[in-house]
Amino acid sequence: MKAKELNKENRDEISFISFIIPEFAAAYKMNMQEAYRYLKQYGGIDFLRENWWALHTDNPFWAVRDMFEICRQNGGLK
């Protein structure tokens, strides 16, 4: 069975998410695993998946701030 290939949009989404999670981790003094768990628990990953196209066009600082704000609104404390 041949593996399904990812289209360009999926590759771009994965690339952006792979880039922005370490940026979030560094900004809030977390390791990568803590950052991923935090974002997953408080809706940051869902926000990224739904809005990556708009977020990737701006400065990473603003994407990280938006993720922080979404997580805070969903009960996150960091």
N, C-alpha and C. Protein backbone atom coordinates (compact mmCIF):
# COMPACT_ATOMS: atom_id res chain seq x y z
N MET A 1 0.84 -1.18 0.00
CA MET A 1 0.00 0.00 0.00
C MET A 1 0.89 1.24 0.00
N LYS A 2 0.62 2.17 -0.88
CA LYS A 2 1.41 3.39 -1.01
C LYS A 2 0.93 4.43 0.02
N ALA A 3 1.88 5.07 0.68
CA ALA A 3 1.54 6.10 1.65
C ALA A 3 0.94 7.30 0.94
N LYS A 4 -0.04 7.91 1.58
CA LYS A 4 -0.67 9.09 1.02
C LYS A 4 0.28 10.28 1.12
N GLU A 5 0.44 11.00 0.04
CA GLU A 5 1.31 12.17 0.03
C GLU A 5 0.55 13.39 0.54
N LEU A 6 1.28 14.24 1.22
CA LEU A 6 0.70 15.49 1.71
C LEU A 6 0.72 16.53 0.61
N ASN A 7 -0.36 17.30 0.53
CA ASN A 7 -0.36 18.39 -0.45
C ASN A 7 0.42 19.58 0.13
N LYS A 8 0.66 20.57 -0.69
CA LYS A 8 1.48 21.71 -0.29
C LYS A 8 0.89 22.43 0.92
N GLU A 9 -0.42 22.61 0.96
CA GLU A 9 -1.03 23.31 2.08
C GLU A 9 -0.81 22.56 3.38
N ASN A 10 -0.96 21.24 3.38
CA ASN A 10 -0.71 20.45 4.58
C ASN A 10 0.75 20.54 5.01
N ARG A 11 1.66 20.49 4.05
CA ARG A 11 3.09 20.61 4.38
C ARG A 11 3.38 21.99 4.98
N ASP A 12 2.77 23.03 4.42
CA ASP A 12 2.98 24.38 4.94
C ASP A 12 2.42 24.53 6.35
N GLU A 13 1.26 23.94 6.59
CA GLU A 13 0.65 23.98 7.92
C GLU A 13 1.56 23.29 8.94
N ILE A 14 2.02 22.11 8.60
CA ILE A 14 2.91 21.36 9.50
C ILE A 14 4.19 22.14 9.74
N SER A 15 4.72 22.72 8.71
CA SER A 15 5.95 23.50 8.83
C SER A 15 5.76 24.68 9.77
N PHE A 16 4.66 25.40 9.63
CA PHE A 16 4.41 26.55 10.49
C PHE A 16 4.22 26.12 11.94
N ILE A 17 3.42 25.10 12.15
CA ILE A 17 3.18 24.63 13.52
C ILE A 17 4.48 24.13 14.15
N SER A 18 5.31 23.46 13.37
CA SER A 18 6.61 22.98 13.86
C SER A 18 7.54 24.14 14.20
N PHE A 19 7.35 25.26 13.55
CA PHE A 19 8.15 26.45 13.82
C PHE A 19 7.63 27.23 15.03
N ILE A 20 6.31 27.37 15.15
CA ILE A 20 5.76 28.29 16.14
C ILE A 20 5.70 27.69 17.55
N ILE A 21 5.58 26.38 17.69
CA ILE A 21 5.55 25.79 19.03
C ILE A 21 6.87 26.05 19.76
N PRO A 22 8.04 25.86 19.14
CA PRO A 22 9.28 26.21 19.84
C PRO A 22 9.38 27.71 20.18
N GLU A 23 8.81 28.55 19.32
CA GLU A 23 8.79 29.99 19.60
C GLU A 23 7.97 30.26 20.86
N PHE A 24 6.82 29.60 20.98
CA PHE A 24 5.97 29.73 22.16
C PHE A 24 6.72 29.23 23.39
N ALA A 25 7.35 28.07 23.26
CA ALA A 25 8.09 27.48 24.38
C ALA A 25 9.18 28.44 24.87
N ALA A 26 9.92 29.02 23.96
CA ALA A 26 11.00 29.93 24.34
C ALA A 26 10.45 31.19 25.01
N ALA A 27 9.36 31.72 24.47
CA ALA A 27 8.78 32.95 25.00
C ALA A 27 8.27 32.78 26.43
N TYR A 28 7.79 31.60 26.76
CA TYR A 28 7.20 31.36 28.08
C TYR A 28 8.03 30.40 28.92
N LYS A 29 9.33 30.28 28.58
CA LYS A 29 10.28 29.51 29.38
C LYS A 29 9.79 28.09 29.67
N MET A 30 9.39 27.39 28.60
CA MET A 30 8.96 26.00 28.71
C MET A 30 9.84 25.16 27.81
N ASN A 31 9.87 23.86 28.08
CA ASN A 31 10.50 22.99 27.09
C ASN A 31 9.44 22.64 26.05
N MET A 32 9.84 22.00 24.99
CA MET A 32 8.90 21.72 23.89
C MET A 32 7.72 20.85 24.33
N GLN A 33 8.00 19.86 25.13
CA GLN A 33 6.94 18.96 25.58
C GLN A 33 5.92 19.70 26.45
N GLU A 34 6.39 20.53 27.36
CA GLU A 34 5.49 21.32 28.20
C GLU A 34 4.65 22.26 27.34
N ALA A 35 5.28 22.91 26.38
CA ALA A 35 4.57 23.84 25.52
C ALA A 35 3.48 23.12 24.73
N TYR A 36 3.81 21.98 24.15
CA TYR A 36 2.80 21.24 23.38
C TYR A 36 1.63 20.83 24.28
N ARG A 37 1.94 20.28 25.44
CA ARG A 37 0.86 19.85 26.35
C ARG A 37 -0.02 21.03 26.77
N TYR A 38 0.62 22.15 27.09
CA TYR A 38 -0.11 23.35 27.49
C TYR A 38 -1.02 23.83 26.36
N LEU A 39 -0.46 23.92 25.16
CA LEU A 39 -1.24 24.37 24.01
C LEU A 39 -2.37 23.40 23.70
N LYS A 40 -2.12 22.12 23.83
CA LYS A 40 -3.16 21.11 23.57
C LYS A 40 -4.27 21.22 24.61
N GLN A 41 -3.89 21.34 25.88
CA GLN A 41 -4.87 21.38 26.96
C GLN A 41 -5.77 22.62 26.91
N TYR A 42 -5.20 23.76 26.52
CA TYR A 42 -5.95 25.01 26.60
C TYR A 42 -6.37 25.57 25.24
N GLY A 43 -6.40 24.75 24.23
CA GLY A 43 -6.96 25.15 22.95
C GLY A 43 -6.02 25.83 21.98
N GLY A 44 -4.76 25.96 22.33
CA GLY A 44 -3.81 26.63 21.45
C GLY A 44 -3.54 25.85 20.16
N ILE A 45 -3.48 24.53 20.25
CA ILE A 45 -3.24 23.72 19.06
C ILE A 45 -4.43 23.81 18.11
N ASP A 46 -5.63 23.74 18.65
CA ASP A 46 -6.82 23.87 17.80
C ASP A 46 -6.84 25.24 17.12
N PHE A 47 -6.50 26.28 17.88
CA PHE A 47 -6.42 27.63 17.32
C PHE A 47 -5.41 27.69 16.19
N LEU A 48 -4.24 27.08 16.40
CA LEU A 48 -3.21 27.06 15.36
C LEU A 48 -3.71 26.34 14.11
N ARG A 49 -4.32 25.18 14.29
CA ARG A 49 -4.78 24.39 13.15
C ARG A 49 -5.84 25.15 12.36
N GLU A 50 -6.69 25.88 13.04
CA GLU A 50 -7.78 26.61 12.37
C GLU A 50 -7.32 27.92 11.74
N ASN A 51 -6.26 28.52 12.29
CA ASN A 51 -5.87 29.88 11.87
C ASN A 51 -4.44 30.01 11.38
N TRP A 52 -3.78 28.90 11.12
CA TRP A 52 -2.36 28.96 10.76
C TRP A 52 -2.13 29.83 9.52
N TRP A 53 -3.06 29.80 8.59
CA TRP A 53 -2.85 30.53 7.34
C TRP A 53 -2.72 32.03 7.60
N ALA A 54 -3.56 32.57 8.46
CA ALA A 54 -3.46 34.00 8.79
C ALA A 54 -2.27 34.27 9.71
N LEU A 55 -2.04 33.39 10.68
CA LEU A 55 -0.96 33.60 11.65
C LEU A 55 0.42 33.59 11.00
N HIS A 56 0.60 32.77 9.99
CA HIS A 56 1.94 32.64 9.40
C HIS A 56 2.35 33.87 8.60
N THR A 57 1.41 34.75 8.30
CA THR A 57 1.74 35.93 7.51
C THR A 57 2.25 37.09 8.36
N ASP A 58 2.13 36.96 9.68
CA ASP A 58 2.51 38.04 10.58
C ASP A 58 3.81 37.70 11.30
N ASN A 59 4.29 38.63 12.06
CA ASN A 59 5.47 38.43 12.88
C ASN A 59 5.18 37.31 13.88
N PRO A 60 6.12 36.38 14.09
CA PRO A 60 5.89 35.29 15.05
C PRO A 60 5.52 35.78 16.45
N PHE A 61 6.00 36.95 16.84
CA PHE A 61 5.65 37.51 18.15
C PHE A 61 4.13 37.58 18.32
N TRP A 62 3.44 38.04 17.28
CA TRP A 62 1.99 38.20 17.39
C TRP A 62 1.27 36.86 17.38
N ALA A 63 1.78 35.90 16.67
CA ALA A 63 1.18 34.56 16.69
C ALA A 63 1.31 33.96 18.09
N VAL A 64 2.48 34.12 18.70
CA VAL A 64 2.69 33.61 20.06
C VAL A 64 1.77 34.32 21.04
N ARG A 65 1.63 35.63 20.91
CA ARG A 65 0.72 36.38 21.80
C ARG A 65 -0.72 35.93 21.61
N ASP A 66 -1.14 35.72 20.37
CA ASP A 66 -2.50 35.24 20.12
C ASP A 66 -2.72 33.87 20.75
N MET A 67 -1.74 32.99 20.63
CA MET A 67 -1.85 31.66 21.24
C MET A 67 -1.94 31.78 22.76
N PHE A 68 -1.13 32.65 23.34
CA PHE A 68 -1.18 32.89 24.78
C PHE A 68 -2.57 33.35 25.19
N GLU A 69 -3.12 34.29 24.45
CA GLU A 69 -4.43 34.85 24.79
C GLU A 69 -5.53 33.79 24.70
N ILE A 70 -5.49 32.97 23.67
CA ILE A 70 -6.48 31.89 23.53
C ILE A 70 -6.38 30.93 24.71
N CYS A 71 -5.17 30.54 25.06
CA CYS A 71 -4.98 29.62 26.19
C CYS A 71 -5.44 30.26 27.50
N ARG A 72 -5.13 31.54 27.69
CA ARG A 72 -5.57 32.23 28.91
C ARG A 72 -7.09 32.26 29.00
N GLN A 73 -7.76 32.52 27.87
CA GLN A 73 -9.22 32.55 27.87
C GLN A 73 -9.82 31.17 28.16
N ASN A 74 -9.05 30.13 27.91
CA ASN A 74 -9.52 28.77 28.15
C ASN A 74 -8.99 28.18 29.46
N GLY A 75 -8.49 29.04 30.34
CA GLY A 75 -8.07 28.60 31.68
C GLY A 75 -6.59 28.44 31.89
N GLY A 76 -5.78 28.70 30.89
CA GLY A 76 -4.33 28.59 31.04
C GLY A 76 -3.78 29.67 31.95
N LEU A 77 -2.73 29.36 32.66
CA LEU A 77 -2.18 30.30 33.64
C LEU A 77 -0.88 30.94 33.25
N LYS A 78 -0.19 30.42 32.24
CA LYS A 78 1.14 30.92 31.92
C LYS A 78 1.05 32.24 31.17
